Amino acid sequence: MKPIRIAKISQGGFSLLEILVAFSILSMALGVLLAIFGKGLNLAATSDEYTKAVLLAESTLAGVGIEKVLEPGQENGSVDDIYEWSVNVEPFVTNDEDLLLENLPFRLYHVQVAVSWGDVDTPRTVALNTLRFGPPEEF
């Protein structure tokens, strides 16, 4: 009688170690992707805050000298308990000898609008500056 040969059948598959390595690589890749998307969302929110602050500063600056008489001084306020704005108006002075501001029938004023928001750790500010024509100063 011939001995019966038992054929060795190799079983194809992954070992437990290979599966653990694959899951580790997958989890690290997903972690990096989630961090990238999270940072992108934070940047989008910050960009939205800056856009709102610039719009507030522009609209406040547009009202200076129109809603009330343009005169030197400072004014403050807040919007939605998030944004704080300040308007500073002062007479424009220059050291340029070619500009003779005294002979003009109007007065130039330097107007600065600043909008600030954020917390103590990340304070943010937007400032706009311009020159405006106003009534001459009375002496």
Protein backbone atom coordinates (compact mmCIF):
# COMPACT_ATOMS: atom_id res chain seq x y z
CA MET A 1 0.00 0.00 0.00
CA LYS A 2 1.17 3.41 -0.95
CA PRO A 3 1.25 6.06 1.66
CA ILE A 4 -1.39 8.69 1.23
CA ARG A 5 0.01 12.06 0.57
CA ILE A 6 -1.71 14.95 2.15
CA ALA A 7 -1.29 18.05 0.08
CA LYS A 8 -0.40 21.13 2.00
CA ILE A 9 -2.84 23.86 1.23
CA SER A 10 -1.56 27.31 2.03
CA GLN A 11 -4.18 29.60 3.33
CA GLY A 12 -4.01 33.15 1.99
CA GLY A 13 -4.91 35.93 4.38
CA PHE A 14 -3.52 38.54 6.67
CA SER A 15 -1.98 37.90 9.99
CA LEU A 16 -3.15 39.78 13.03
CA LEU A 17 0.02 41.86 13.03
CA GLU A 18 -0.54 42.99 9.43
CA ILE A 19 -4.09 44.04 10.23
CA LEU A 20 -2.94 46.02 13.27
CA VAL A 21 -0.27 47.83 11.21
CA ALA A 22 -2.82 48.66 8.50
CA PHE A 23 -5.28 50.07 11.05
CA SER A 24 -2.49 52.10 12.67
CA ILE A 25 -1.52 53.67 9.35
CA LEU A 26 -5.17 54.35 8.54
CA SER A 27 -5.81 55.99 11.91
CA MET A 28 -2.74 58.24 11.56
CA ALA A 29 -3.81 59.31 8.06
CA LEU A 30 -7.34 60.07 9.25
CA GLY A 31 -5.96 62.01 12.20
CA VAL A 32 -3.88 64.21 9.88
CA LEU A 33 -6.85 64.77 7.56
CA LEU A 34 -9.13 65.74 10.45
CA ALA A 35 -6.51 68.17 11.77
CA ILE A 36 -6.24 69.79 8.33
CA PHE A 37 -10.02 70.15 8.01
CA GLY A 38 -10.29 71.48 11.57
CA LYS A 39 -7.63 74.12 10.89
CA GLY A 40 -9.43 75.06 7.67
CA LEU A 41 -12.68 75.58 9.56
CA ASN A 42 -10.91 77.76 12.14
CA LEU A 43 -9.38 79.88 9.37
CA ALA A 44 -12.77 80.25 7.69
CA ALA A 45 -14.33 81.43 10.96
CA THR A 46 -11.48 83.91 11.54
CA SER A 47 -11.87 85.20 7.99
CA ASP A 48 -15.59 85.71 8.59
CA GLU A 49 -14.84 87.69 11.77
CA TYR A 50 -12.37 89.91 9.90
CA THR A 51 -14.89 90.50 7.11
CA LYS A 52 -17.55 91.58 9.60
CA ALA A 53 -15.06 93.84 11.40
CA VAL A 54 -13.98 95.53 8.17
CA LEU A 55 -17.60 96.06 7.13
CA LEU A 56 -18.36 97.60 10.52
CA ALA A 57 -15.28 99.85 10.29
CA GLU A 58 -16.18 100.95 6.75
CA SER A 59 -19.78 101.74 7.62
CA THR A 60 -18.72 103.63 10.75
CA LEU A 61 -16.13 105.57 8.75
CA ALA A 62 -18.71 106.39 6.09
CA GLY A 63 -20.96 107.98 8.73
CA VAL A 64 -18.25 110.22 10.18
CA GLY A 65 -18.99 113.81 9.20
CA ILE A 66 -22.37 112.93 7.70
CA GLU A 67 -24.48 111.75 10.63
CA LYS A 68 -23.15 114.56 12.82
CA VAL A 69 -20.81 117.51 12.47
CA LEU A 70 -17.18 116.60 12.06
CA GLU A 71 -15.33 117.82 15.13
CA PRO A 72 -12.27 116.67 17.06
CA GLY A 73 -12.88 114.05 19.71
CA GLN A 74 -13.32 110.36 20.37
CA GLU A 75 -16.39 108.17 20.33
CA ASN A 76 -16.79 104.50 21.33
CA GLY A 77 -19.42 101.81 21.04
CA SER A 78 -20.04 98.11 20.62
CA VAL A 79 -22.02 95.85 18.32
CA ASP A 80 -23.56 92.51 19.33
CA ASP A 81 -21.33 92.39 22.44
CA ILE A 82 -18.61 91.04 20.13
CA TYR A 83 -17.11 94.00 18.31
CA GLU A 84 -16.00 97.21 20.00
CA TRP A 85 -15.41 100.24 17.81
CA SER A 86 -13.82 103.62 18.39
CA VAL A 87 -13.67 106.74 16.23
CA ASN A 88 -10.90 109.26 16.80
CA VAL A 89 -11.09 112.62 14.97
CA GLU A 90 -8.27 115.14 15.26
CA PRO A 91 -7.13 118.09 13.15
CA PHE A 92 -4.63 117.10 10.48
CA VAL A 93 -1.20 118.56 11.01
CA THR A 94 1.79 118.17 8.76
CA ASN A 95 5.43 119.17 8.79
CA ASP A 96 5.46 119.55 5.02
CA GLU A 97 6.34 123.17 4.26
CA ASP A 98 4.77 122.96 0.79
CA LEU A 99 1.29 122.50 2.26
CA LEU A 100 -0.25 125.69 3.54
CA LEU A 101 -3.30 124.45 5.41
CA GLU A 102 -4.02 127.76 7.13
CA ASN A 103 -5.27 129.50 3.98
CA LEU A 104 -7.84 126.86 3.04
CA PRO A 105 -11.59 127.61 3.45
CA PHE A 106 -11.96 124.24 5.17
CA ARG A 107 -10.05 122.19 7.70
CA LEU A 108 -8.57 118.74 7.14
CA TYR A 109 -9.28 116.17 9.84
CA HIS A 110 -7.52 112.87 10.40
CA VAL A 111 -10.15 110.22 11.13
CA GLN A 112 -9.27 106.80 12.51
CA VAL A 113 -11.80 104.02 13.06
CA ALA A 114 -10.67 100.93 15.00
CA VAL A 115 -12.72 97.78 15.52
CA SER A 116 -11.51 95.19 18.03
CA TRP A 117 -12.80 91.80 19.09
CA GLY A 118 -11.57 88.46 20.39
CA ASP A 119 -10.57 87.17 23.78
CA VAL A 120 -7.56 87.87 25.98
CA ASP A 121 -5.44 85.19 24.30
CA THR A 122 -6.15 86.28 20.71
CA PRO A 123 -7.13 89.95 20.55
CA ARG A 124 -7.78 91.18 17.01
CA THR A 125 -8.05 94.71 15.65
CA VAL A 126 -8.85 96.35 12.32
CA ALA A 127 -8.09 100.05 11.84
CA LEU A 128 -8.98 102.38 8.96
CA ASN A 129 -7.56 105.87 8.51
CA THR A 130 -8.60 108.71 6.21
CA LEU A 131 -8.63 112.46 5.84
CA ARG A 132 -11.92 114.35 5.77
CA PHE A 133 -12.85 117.91 4.93
CA GLY A 134 -14.67 119.72 7.68
CA PRO A 135 -15.53 123.18 8.87
CA PRO A 136 -12.56 125.37 9.83
CA GLU A 137 -11.58 125.55 13.46
CA GLU A 138 -12.77 128.63 15.24
CA PHE A 139 -10.08 130.67 16.92
